[in-house]
PDB file of N, CA and C in Angstrom:
ATOM      1  N   MET A   1      78.962  85.963 114.785  1.00  0.00           N
ATOM      2  CA  MET A   1      79.456  86.883 113.774  1.00  0.00           C
ATOM      3  C   MET A   1      78.381  87.930 113.480  1.00  0.00           C
ATOM      4  N   ASP A   2      78.737  89.198 113.577  1.00  0.00           N
ATOM      5  CA  ASP A   2      77.812  90.305 113.354  1.00  0.00           C
ATOM      6  C   ASP A   2      77.717  90.603 111.857  1.00  0.00           C
ATOM      7  N   LEU A   3      76.731  89.964 111.200  1.00  0.00           N
ATOM      8  CA  LEU A   3      76.590  90.073 109.750  1.00  0.00           C
ATOM      9  C   LEU A   3      76.258  91.496 109.303  1.00  0.00           C
ATOM     10  N   MET A   4      75.369  92.184 110.026  1.00  0.00           N
ATOM     11  CA  MET A   4      74.996  93.554 109.645  1.00  0.00           C
ATOM     12  C   MET A   4      76.198  94.492 109.763  1.00  0.00           C
ATOM     13  N   GLY A   5      76.952  94.332 110.850  1.00  0.00           N
ATOM     14  CA  GLY A   5      78.148  95.158 111.042  1.00  0.00           C
ATOM     15  C   GLY A   5      79.168  94.902 109.945  1.00  0.00           C
ATOM     16  N   MET A   6      79.279  93.631 109.562  1.00  0.00           N
ATOM     17  CA  MET A   6      80.236  93.255 108.521  1.00  0.00           C
ATOM     18  C   MET A   6      79.804  93.829 107.169  1.00  0.00           C
ATOM     19  N   MET A   7      78.499  93.793 106.877  1.00  0.00           N
ATOM     20  CA  MET A   7      77.991  94.335 105.609  1.00  0.00           C
ATOM     21  C   MET A   7      78.224  95.840 105.547  1.00  0.00           C
ATOM     22  N   GLY A   8      78.033  96.515 106.665  1.00  0.00           N
ATOM     23  CA  GLY A   8      78.279  97.952 106.733  1.00  0.00           C
ATOM     24  C   GLY A   8      79.749  98.264 106.487  1.00  0.00           C
ATOM     25  N   LYS A   9      80.610  97.457 107.086  1.00  0.00           N
ATOM     26  CA  LYS A   9      82.057  97.630 106.925  1.00  0.00           C
ATOM     27  C   LYS A   9      82.468  97.386 105.471  1.00  0.00           C
ATOM     28  N   LEU A  10      81.835  96.388 104.860  1.00  0.00           N
ATOM     29  CA  LEU A  10      82.112  96.066 103.465  1.00  0.00           C
ATOM     30  C   LEU A  10      81.736  97.242 102.554  1.00  0.00           C
ATOM     31  N   LYS A  11      80.570  97.829 102.812  1.00  0.00           N
ATOM     32  CA  LYS A  11      80.091  98.977 102.026  1.00  0.00           C
ATOM     33  C   LYS A  11      81.040 100.166 102.216  1.00  0.00           C
ATOM     34  N   GLU A  12      81.470 100.378 103.449  1.00  0.00           N
ATOM     35  CA  GLU A  12      82.401 101.464 103.768  1.00  0.00           C
ATOM     36  C   GLU A  12      83.721 101.269 102.999  1.00  0.00           C
ATOM     37  N   THR A  13      84.190 100.029 102.963  1.00  0.00           N
ATOM     38  CA  THR A  13      85.428  99.711 102.247  1.00  0.00           C
ATOM     39  C   THR A  13      85.249  99.953 100.756  1.00  0.00           C
ATOM     40  N   GLN A  14      84.100  99.554 100.210  1.00  0.00           N
ATOM     41  CA  GLN A  14      83.822  99.789  98.788  1.00  0.00           C
ATOM     42  C   GLN A  14      83.861 101.286  98.482  1.00  0.00           C
ATOM     43  N   ASN A  15      83.274 102.083  99.360  1.00  0.00           N
ATOM     44  CA  ASN A  15      83.275 103.536  99.169  1.00  0.00           C
ATOM     45  C   ASN A  15      84.697 104.089  99.190  1.00  0.00           C
ATOM     46  N   LYS A  16      85.512 103.597 100.127  1.00  0.00           N
ATOM     47  CA  LYS A  16      86.900 104.055 100.214  1.00  0.00           C
ATOM     48  C   LYS A  16      87.691 103.668  98.979  1.00  0.00           C
ATOM     49  N   ILE A  17      87.404 102.484  98.438  1.00  0.00           N
ATOM     50  CA  ILE A  17      88.084 102.042  97.215  1.00  0.00           C
ATOM     51  C   ILE A  17      87.701 102.960  96.055  1.00  0.00           C
ATOM     52  N   GLU A  18      86.416 103.303  95.953  1.00  0.00           N
ATOM     53  CA  GLU A  18      85.966 104.212  94.891  1.00  0.00           C
ATOM     54  C   GLU A  18      86.624 105.592  95.035  1.00  0.00           C
ATOM     55  N   GLU A  19      86.704 106.090  96.266  1.00  0.00           N
ATOM     56  CA  GLU A  19      87.363 107.378  96.521  1.00  0.00           C
ATOM     57  C   GLU A  19      88.835 107.312  96.120  1.00  0.00           C
ATOM     58  N   THR A  20      89.473 106.205  96.440  1.00  0.00           N
ATOM     59  CA  THR A  20      90.884 106.031  96.098  1.00  0.00           C
ATOM     60  C   THR A  20      91.068 106.006  94.592  1.00  0.00           C
ATOM     61  N   LYS A  21      90.171 105.312  93.880  1.00  0.00           N
ATOM     62  CA  LYS A  21      90.251 105.273  92.413  1.00  0.00           C
ATOM     63  C   LYS A  21      90.129 106.679  91.827  1.00  0.00           C
ATOM     64  N   LYS A  22      89.220 107.479  92.375  1.00  0.00           N
ATOM     65  CA  LYS A  22      89.065 108.862  91.900  1.00  0.00           C
ATOM     66  C   LYS A  22      90.340 109.659  92.172  1.00  0.00           C
ATOM     67  N   ARG A  23      90.902 109.475  93.368  1.00  0.00           N
ATOM     68  CA  ARG A  23      92.118 110.201  93.738  1.00  0.00           C
ATOM     69  C   ARG A  23      93.272 109.808  92.822  1.00  0.00           C
ATOM     70  N   LEU A  24      93.308 108.540  92.401  1.00  0.00           N
ATOM     71  CA  LEU A  24      94.392 108.069  91.536  1.00  0.00           C
ATOM     72  C   LEU A  24      94.356 108.731  90.161  1.00  0.00           C
ATOM     73  N   ASP A  25      93.214 109.336  89.796  1.00  0.00           N
ATOM     74  CA  ASP A  25      93.152 110.122  88.564  1.00  0.00           C
ATOM     75  C   ASP A  25      93.997 111.393  88.676  1.00  0.00           C
ATOM     76  N   THR A  26      94.298 111.794  89.899  1.00  0.00           N
ATOM     77  CA  THR A  26      95.077 113.019  90.098  1.00  0.00           C
ATOM     78  C   THR A  26      96.541 112.719  90.426  1.00  0.00           C
ATOM     79  N   VAL A  27      96.877 111.434  90.599  1.00  0.00           N
ATOM     80  CA  VAL A  27      98.261 111.039  90.876  1.00  0.00           C
ATOM     81  C   VAL A  27      98.959 110.827  89.537  1.00  0.00           C
ATOM     82  N   LEU A  28     100.005 111.625  89.272  1.00  0.00           N
ATOM     83  CA  LEU A  28     100.682 111.563  87.983  1.00  0.00           C
ATOM     84  C   LEU A  28     101.985 110.786  88.060  1.00  0.00           C
ATOM     85  N   VAL A  29     102.226 110.017  87.012  1.00  0.00           N
ATOM     86  CA  VAL A  29     103.433 109.210  86.884  1.00  0.00           C
ATOM     87  C   VAL A  29     104.155 109.688  85.624  1.00  0.00           C
ATOM     88  N   ASP A  30     105.438 110.022  85.756  1.00  0.00           N
ATOM     89  CA  ASP A  30     106.234 110.464  84.619  1.00  0.00           C
ATOM     90  C   ASP A  30     107.214 109.372  84.208  1.00  0.00           C
ATOM     91  N   GLU A  31     107.404 109.243  82.915  1.00  0.00           N
ATOM     92  CA  GLU A  31     108.397 108.296  82.398  1.00  0.00           C
ATOM     93  C   GLU A  31     108.996 108.926  81.147  1.00  0.00           C
ATOM     94  N   GLN A  32     110.260 108.584  80.877  1.00  0.00           N
ATOM     95  CA  GLN A  32     110.888 109.098  79.664  1.00  0.00           C
ATOM     96  C   GLN A  32     111.935 108.126  79.149  1.00  0.00           C
ATOM     97  N   SER A  33     112.302 108.315  77.886  1.00  0.00           N
ATOM     98  CA  SER A  33     113.376 107.501  77.319  1.00  0.00           C
ATOM     99  C   SER A  33     114.675 107.916  78.008  1.00  0.00           C
ATOM    100  N   THR A  34     115.672 107.059  77.942  1.00  0.00           N
ATOM    101  CA  THR A  34     116.932 107.346  78.643  1.00  0.00           C
ATOM    102  C   THR A  34     117.581 108.639  78.157  1.00  0.00           C
ATOM    103  N   ASP A  35     117.377 108.973  76.883  1.00  0.00           N
ATOM    104  CA  ASP A  35     117.968 110.213  76.358  1.00  0.00           C
ATOM    105  C   ASP A  35     117.027 111.413  76.484  1.00  0.00           C
ATOM    106  N   GLY A  36     115.846 111.190  77.038  1.00  0.00           N
ATOM    107  CA  GLY A  36     114.907 112.290  77.270  1.00  0.00           C
ATOM    108  C   GLY A  36     114.189 112.789  76.026  1.00  0.00           C
ATOM    109  N   LEU A  37     114.305 112.084  74.908  1.00  0.00           N
ATOM    110  CA  LEU A  37     113.677 112.547  73.666  1.00  0.00           C
ATOM    111  C   LEU A  37     112.172 112.287  73.632  1.00  0.00           C
ATOM    112  N   LEU A  38     111.718 111.327  74.426  1.00  0.00           N
ATOM    113  CA  LEU A  38     110.290 111.027  74.490  1.00  0.00           C
ATOM    114  C   LEU A  38     109.882 110.992  75.956  1.00  0.00           C
ATOM    115  N   LYS A  39     108.833 111.746  76.285  1.00  0.00           N
ATOM    116  CA  LYS A  39     108.352 111.797  77.669  1.00  0.00           C
ATOM    117  C   LYS A  39     106.851 111.567  77.682  1.00  0.00           C
ATOM    118  N   VAL A  40     106.398 110.876  78.727  1.00  0.00           N
ATOM    119  CA  VAL A  40     104.966 110.645  78.882  1.00  0.00           C
ATOM    120  C   VAL A  40     104.593 110.867  80.349  1.00  0.00           C
ATOM    121  N   THR A  41     103.413 111.427  80.538  1.00  0.00           N
ATOM    122  CA  THR A  41     102.842 111.565  81.878  1.00  0.00           C
ATOM    123  C   THR A  41     101.473 110.911  81.832  1.00  0.00           C
ATOM    124  N   MET A  42     101.220 110.032  82.809  1.00  0.00           N
ATOM    125  CA  MET A  42      99.907 109.406  82.881  1.00  0.00           C
ATOM    126  C   MET A  42      99.444 109.362  84.335  1.00  0.00           C
ATOM    127  N   THR A  43      98.149 109.146  84.500  1.00  0.00           N
ATOM    128  CA  THR A  43      97.609 109.043  85.852  1.00  0.00           C
ATOM    129  C   THR A  43      97.881 107.640  86.377  1.00  0.00           C
ATOM    130  N   ALA A  44      97.737 107.467  87.686  1.00  0.00           N
ATOM    131  CA  ALA A  44      97.896 106.142  88.285  1.00  0.00           C
ATOM    132  C   ALA A  44      96.772 105.200  87.839  1.00  0.00           C
ATOM    133  N   ASN A  45      95.736 105.757  87.215  1.00  0.00           N
ATOM    134  CA  ASN A  45      94.679 104.937  86.613  1.00  0.00           C
ATOM    135  C   ASN A  45      94.972 104.648  85.145  1.00  0.00           C
ATOM    136  N   ARG A  46      96.197 104.937  84.725  1.00  0.00           N
ATOM    137  CA  ARG A  46      96.706 104.606  83.397  1.00  0.00           C
ATOM    138  C   ARG A  46      96.013 105.329  82.252  1.00  0.00           C
ATOM    139  N   LYS A  47      95.716 106.605  82.469  1.00  0.00           N
ATOM    140  CA  LYS A  47      95.212 107.470  81.400  1.00  0.00           C
ATOM    141  C   LYS A  47      96.341 108.437  81.037  1.00  0.00           C
ATOM    142  N   ILE A  48      96.681 108.495  79.746  1.00  0.00           N
ATOM    143  CA  ILE A  48      97.761 109.373  79.311  1.00  0.00           C
ATOM    144  C   ILE A  48      97.306 110.826  79.400  1.00  0.00           C
ATOM    145  N   LYS A  49      98.132 111.653  80.067  1.00  0.00           N
ATOM    146  CA  LYS A  49      97.822 113.070  80.234  1.00  0.00           C
ATOM    147  C   LYS A  49      98.623 113.928  79.264  1.00  0.00           C
ATOM    148  N   SER A  50      99.888 113.560  79.045  1.00  0.00           N
ATOM    149  CA  SER A  50     100.690 114.321  78.091  1.00  0.00           C
ATOM    150  C   SER A  50     101.772 113.443  77.488  1.00  0.00           C
ATOM    151  N   LEU A  51     102.191 113.856  76.306  1.00  0.00           N
ATOM    152  CA  LEU A  51     103.202 113.137  75.552  1.00  0.00           C
ATOM    153  C   LEU A  51     104.080 114.187  74.887  1.00  0.00           C
ATOM    154  N   SER A  52     105.382 114.046  75.035  1.00  0.00           N
ATOM    155  CA  SER A  52     106.311 115.006  74.449  1.00  0.00           C
ATOM    156  C   SER A  52     107.307 114.241  73.582  1.00  0.00           C
ATOM    157  N   ILE A  53     107.352 114.609  72.291  1.00  0.00           N
ATOM    158  CA  ILE A  53     108.231 113.937  71.336  1.00  0.00           C
ATOM    159  C   ILE A  53     109.194 114.965  70.755  1.00  0.00           C
ATOM    160  N   ASP A  54     110.479 114.715  70.947  1.00  0.00           N
ATOM    161  CA  ASP A  54     111.496 115.595  70.378  1.00  0.00           C
ATOM    162  C   ASP A  54     111.446 115.510  68.851  1.00  0.00           C
ATOM    163  N   ASP A  55     111.677 116.652  68.188  1.00  0.00           N
ATOM    164  CA  ASP A  55     111.613 116.710  66.727  1.00  0.00           C
ATOM    165  C   ASP A  55     112.545 115.717  66.035  1.00  0.00           C
ATOM    166  N   THR A  56     113.678 115.412  66.647  1.00  0.00           N
ATOM    167  CA  THR A  56     114.626 114.485  66.005  1.00  0.00           C
ATOM    168  C   THR A  56     114.019 113.100  65.819  1.00  0.00           C
ATOM    169  N   LEU A  57     113.074 112.727  66.677  1.00  0.00           N
ATOM    170  CA  LEU A  57     112.436 111.412  66.551  1.00  0.00           C
ATOM    171  C   LEU A  57     111.459 111.356  65.376  1.00  0.00           C
ATOM    172  N   LEU A  58     111.009 112.519  64.917  1.00  0.00           N
ATOM    173  CA  LEU A  58     110.042 112.556  63.824  1.00  0.00           C
ATOM    174  C   LEU A  58     110.685 112.178  62.488  1.00  0.00           C
ATOM    175  N   GLU A  59     112.012 112.176  62.447  1.00  0.00           N
ATOM    176  CA  GLU A  59     112.716 111.848  61.212  1.00  0.00           C
ATOM    177  C   GLU A  59     112.838 110.332  61.006  1.00  0.00           C
ATOM    178  N   ASP A  60     112.582 109.558  62.057  1.00  0.00           N
ATOM    179  CA  ASP A  60     112.756 108.107  61.974  1.00  0.00           C
ATOM    180  C   ASP A  60     111.539 107.416  62.577  1.00  0.00           C
ATOM    181  N   LYS A  61     110.589 107.066  61.706  1.00  0.00           N
ATOM    182  CA  LYS A  61     109.322 106.477  62.152  1.00  0.00           C
ATOM    183  C   LYS A  61     109.541 105.222  62.999  1.00  0.00           C
ATOM    184  N   GLU A  62     110.442 104.343  62.559  1.00  0.00           N
ATOM    185  CA  GLU A  62     110.685 103.091  63.271  1.00  0.00           C
ATOM    186  C   GLU A  62     111.240 103.350  64.678  1.00  0.00           C
ATOM    187  N   GLN A  63     112.185 104.273  64.772  1.00  0.00           N
ATOM    188  CA  GLN A  63     112.759 104.610  66.082  1.00  0.00           C
ATOM    189  C   GLN A  63     111.691 105.208  66.992  1.00  0.00           C
ATOM    190  N   LEU A  64     110.856 106.078  66.443  1.00  0.00           N
ATOM    191  CA  LEU A  64     109.775 106.693  67.222  1.00  0.00           C
ATOM    192  C   LEU A  64     108.818 105.622  67.744  1.00  0.00           C
ATOM    193  N   GLU A  65     108.464 104.680  66.889  1.00  0.00           N
ATOM    194  CA  GLU A  65     107.565 103.599  67.316  1.00  0.00           C
ATOM    195  C   GLU A  65     108.196 102.776  68.436  1.00  0.00           C
ATOM    196  N   ASP A  66     109.487 102.465  68.301  1.00  0.00           N
ATOM    197  CA  ASP A  66     110.197 101.716  69.346  1.00  0.00           C
ATOM    198  C   ASP A  66     110.183 102.484  70.666  1.00  0.00           C
ATOM    199  N   TYR A  67     110.477 103.787  70.583  1.00  0.00           N
ATOM    200  CA  TYR A  67     110.483 104.636  71.785  1.00  0.00           C
ATOM    201  C   TYR A  67     109.111 104.650  72.444  1.00  0.00           C
ATOM    202  N   MET A  68     108.068 104.801  71.605  1.00  0.00           N
ATOM    203  CA  MET A  68     106.695 104.874  72.139  1.00  0.00           C
ATOM    204  C   MET A  68     106.355 103.604  72.912  1.00  0.00           C
ATOM    205  N   ILE A  69     106.638 102.459  72.309  1.00  0.00           N
ATOM    206  CA  ILE A  69     106.316 101.184  72.950  1.00  0.00           C
ATOM    207  C   ILE A  69     107.062 101.059  74.275  1.00  0.00           C
ATOM    208  N   LEU A  70     108.358 101.319  74.240  1.00  0.00           N
ATOM    209  CA  LEU A  70     109.198 101.173  75.426  1.00  0.00           C
ATOM    210  C   LEU A  70     108.753 102.109  76.563  1.00  0.00           C
ATOM    211  N   VAL A  71     108.621 103.387  76.248  1.00  0.00           N
ATOM    212  CA  VAL A  71     108.303 104.379  77.279  1.00  0.00           C
ATOM    213  C   VAL A  71     106.876 104.211  77.796  1.00  0.00           C
ATOM    214  N   LEU A  72     105.929 103.956  76.905  1.00  0.00           N
ATOM    215  CA  LEU A  72     104.543 103.763  77.353  1.00  0.00           C
ATOM    216  C   LEU A  72     104.417 102.523  78.232  1.00  0.00           C
ATOM    217  N   ASN A  73     105.072 101.439  77.865  1.00  0.00           N
ATOM    218  CA  ASN A  73     105.013 100.229  78.696  1.00  0.00           C
ATOM    219  C   ASN A  73     105.632 100.470  80.072  1.00  0.00           C
ATOM    220  N   LYS A  74     106.746 101.190  80.120  1.00  0.00           N
ATOM    221  CA  LYS A  74     107.370 101.496  81.416  1.00  0.00           C
ATOM    222  C   LYS A  74     106.444 102.368  82.261  1.00  0.00           C
ATOM    223  N   ALA A  75     105.797 103.344  81.635  1.00  0.00           N
ATOM    224  CA  ALA A  75     104.870 104.221  82.358  1.00  0.00           C
ATOM    225  C   ALA A  75     103.666 103.432  82.866  1.00  0.00           C
ATOM    226  N   ILE A  76     103.133 102.532  82.044  1.00  0.00           N
ATOM    227  CA  ILE A  76     101.987 101.706  82.450  1.00  0.00           C
ATOM    228  C   ILE A  76     102.369 100.821  83.633  1.00  0.00           C
ATOM    229  N   GLU A  77     103.549 100.217  83.589  1.00  0.00           N
ATOM    230  CA  GLU A  77     104.013  99.377  84.708  1.00  0.00           C
ATOM    231  C   GLU A  77     104.117 100.189  85.994  1.00  0.00           C
ATOM    232  N   LYS A  78     104.701 101.372  85.900  1.00  0.00           N
ATOM    233  CA  LYS A  78     104.879 102.228  87.075  1.00  0.00           C
ATOM    234  C   LYS A  78     103.511 102.645  87.630  1.00  0.00           C
ATOM    235  N   ALA A  79     102.607 103.070  86.743  1.00  0.00           N
ATOM    236  CA  ALA A  79     101.264 103.495  87.160  1.00  0.00           C
ATOM    237  C   ALA A  79     100.502 102.336  87.793  1.00  0.00           C
ATOM    238  N   THR A  80     100.654 101.145  87.229  1.00  0.00           N
ATOM    239  CA  THR A  80      99.973  99.955  87.760  1.00  0.00           C
ATOM    240  C   THR A  80     100.462  99.646  89.174  1.00  0.00           C
ATOM    241  N   ARG A  81     101.772  99.763  89.396  1.00  0.00           N
ATOM    242  CA  ARG A  81     102.322  99.514  90.740  1.00  0.00           C
ATOM    243  C   ARG A  81     101.736 100.493  91.759  1.00  0.00           C
ATOM    244  N   VAL A  82     101.670 101.774  91.388  1.00  0.00           N
ATOM    245  CA  VAL A  82     101.089 102.784  92.285  1.00  0.00           C
ATOM    246  C   VAL A  82      99.625 102.459  92.541  1.00  0.00           C
ATOM    247  N   ASN A  83      98.897 102.165  91.489  1.00  0.00           N
ATOM    248  CA  ASN A  83      97.471 101.864  91.572  1.00  0.00           C
ATOM    249  C   ASN A  83      97.222 100.674  92.500  1.00  0.00           C
ATOM    250  N   GLU A  84      97.926  99.570  92.259  1.00  0.00           N
ATOM    251  CA  GLU A  84      97.709  98.356  93.053  1.00  0.00           C
ATOM    252  C   GLU A  84      98.118  98.556  94.506  1.00  0.00           C
ATOM    253  N   THR A  85      99.208  99.260  94.741  1.00  0.00           N
ATOM    254  CA  THR A  85      99.662  99.515  96.110  1.00  0.00           C
ATOM    255  C   THR A  85      98.621 100.305  96.887  1.00  0.00           C
ATOM    256  N   GLU A  86      98.098 101.357  96.259  1.00  0.00           N
ATOM    257  CA  GLU A  86      97.089 102.207  96.917  1.00  0.00           C
ATOM    258  C   GLU A  86      95.807 101.421  97.206  1.00  0.00           C
ATOM    259  N   LEU A  87      95.318 100.694  96.201  1.00  0.00           N
ATOM    260  CA  LEU A  87      94.055  99.959  96.382  1.00  0.00           C
ATOM    261  C   LEU A  87      94.213  98.802  97.368  1.00  0.00           C
ATOM    262  N   ASP A  88      95.353  98.116  97.323  1.00  0.00           N
ATOM    263  CA  ASP A  88      95.604  97.035  98.281  1.00  0.00           C
ATOM    264  C   ASP A  88      95.615  97.569  99.707  1.00  0.00           C
ATOM    265  N   ALA A  89      96.241  98.726  99.891  1.00  0.00           N
ATOM    266  CA  ALA A  89      96.333  99.317 101.233  1.00  0.00           C
ATOM    267  C   ALA A  89      94.935  99.609 101.782  1.00  0.00           C
ATOM    268  N   VAL A  90      94.064 100.181 100.952  1.00  0.00           N
ATOM    269  CA  VAL A  90      92.694 100.495 101.394  1.00  0.00           C
ATOM    270  C   VAL A  90      91.938  99.213 101.706  1.00  0.00           C
ATOM    271  N   ALA A  91      92.020  98.249 100.804  1.00  0.00           N
ATOM    272  CA  ALA A  91      91.265  97.003 100.971  1.00  0.00           C
ATOM    273  C   ALA A  91      91.714  96.250 102.219  1.00  0.00           C
ATOM    274  N   LYS A  92      93.012  96.137 102.428  1.00  0.00           N
ATOM    275  CA  LYS A  92      93.517  95.369 103.565  1.00  0.00           C
ATOM    276  C   LYS A  92      93.274  96.088 104.884  1.00  0.00           C
ATOM    277  N   MET A  93      93.352  97.413 104.863  1.00  0.00           N
ATOM    278  CA  MET A  93      93.211  98.194 106.089  1.00  0.00           C
ATOM    279  C   MET A  93      91.784  98.100 106.639  1.00  0.00           C
ATOM    280  N   ASP A  94      90.808  98.138 105.745  1.00  0.00           N
ATOM    281  CA  ASP A  94      89.423  98.244 106.193  1.00  0.00           C
ATOM    282  C   ASP A  94      88.599  96.980 106.060  1.00  0.00           C
ATOM    283  N   MET A  95      89.156  95.967 105.448  1.00  0.00           N
ATOM    284  CA  MET A  95      88.376  94.772 105.192  1.00  0.00           C
ATOM    285  C   MET A  95      88.180  93.950 106.459  1.00  0.00           C
ATOM    286  N   PRO A  96      86.926  93.595 106.773  1.00  0.00           N
ATOM    287  CA  PRO A  96      86.730  92.690 107.908  1.00  0.00           C
ATOM    288  C   PRO A  96      87.292  91.323 107.530  1.00  0.00           C
ATOM    289  N   MET A  97      87.837  90.641 108.478  1.00  0.00           N
ATOM    290  CA  MET A  97      88.426  89.335 108.188  1.00  0.00           C
ATOM    291  C   MET A  97      87.332  88.279 108.109  1.00  0.00           C
ATOM    292  N   ILE A  98      87.004  87.916 106.888  1.00  0.00           N
ATOM    293  CA  ILE A  98      85.993  86.890 106.640  1.00  0.00           C
ATOM    294  C   ILE A  98      86.750  85.663 106.149  1.00  0.00           C
ATOM    295  N   PRO A  99      86.519  84.521 106.753  1.00  0.00           N
ATOM    296  CA  PRO A  99      87.244  83.320 106.309  1.00  0.00           C
ATOM    297  C   PRO A  99      87.109  83.112 104.802  1.00  0.00           C
ATOM    298  N   GLY A 100      88.261  82.916 104.137  1.00  0.00           N
ATOM    299  CA  GLY A 100      88.264  82.688 102.698  1.00  0.00           C
ATOM    300  C   GLY A 100      88.355  83.950 101.870  1.00  0.00           C
ATOM    301  N   MET A 101      88.075  85.127 102.452  1.00  0.00           N
ATOM    302  CA  MET A 101      88.075  86.374 101.698  1.00  0.00           C
ATOM    303  C   MET A 101      89.496  86.868 101.420  1.00  0.00           C
ATOM    304  N   ASP A 102      90.452  86.447 102.213  1.00  0.00           N
ATOM    305  CA  ASP A 102      91.813  86.953 102.025  1.00  0.00           C
ATOM    306  C   ASP A 102      92.383  86.545 100.660  1.00  0.00           C
ATOM    307  N   ASN A 103      91.832  85.519 100.049  1.00  0.00           N
ATOM    308  CA  ASN A 103      92.302  85.085  98.729  1.00  0.00           C
ATOM    309  C   ASN A 103      91.903  86.060  97.628  1.00  0.00           C
ATOM    310  N   LEU A 104      90.899  86.880  97.855  1.00  0.00           N
ATOM    311  CA  LEU A 104      90.445  87.831  96.848  1.00  0.00           C
ATOM    312  C   LEU A 104      91.458  88.920  96.584  1.00  0.00           C
ATOM    313  N   PHE A 105      92.338  89.176  97.518  1.00  0.00           N
ATOM    314  CA  PHE A 105      93.255  90.303  97.369  1.00  0.00           C
ATOM    315  C   PHE A 105      94.661  89.869  97.013  1.00  0.00           C
ATOM    316  N   LYS A 106      94.790  88.719  96.412  1.00  0.00           N
ATOM    317  CA  LYS A 106      96.109  88.230  96.001  1.00  0.00           C
ATOM    318  C   LYS A 106      96.241  88.271  94.514  1.00  0.00           C
TER     319      LYS A 106
END
């Protein structure tokens, strides 16, 4: 087993993962309530970029809170799926096959 070659490959994979994480800051995920009154855009790294609240929601604090929870959770789930898919692809594509290491990516 070529340990030096494997260490180099590991470092290369780490660099690619870091590059992918940076790129995911530019990947935007949009989500909205079914009636379109509340909209959110966040990065695939789950940072909120914009939030749009229709004026009608401002009249009902409880409804607004419900909308926020629902829409933000849906956006976070969607962003997480994109994030994990991208990072898994990089890790699996470039990772040298080391016995026992495949469990780290599950």
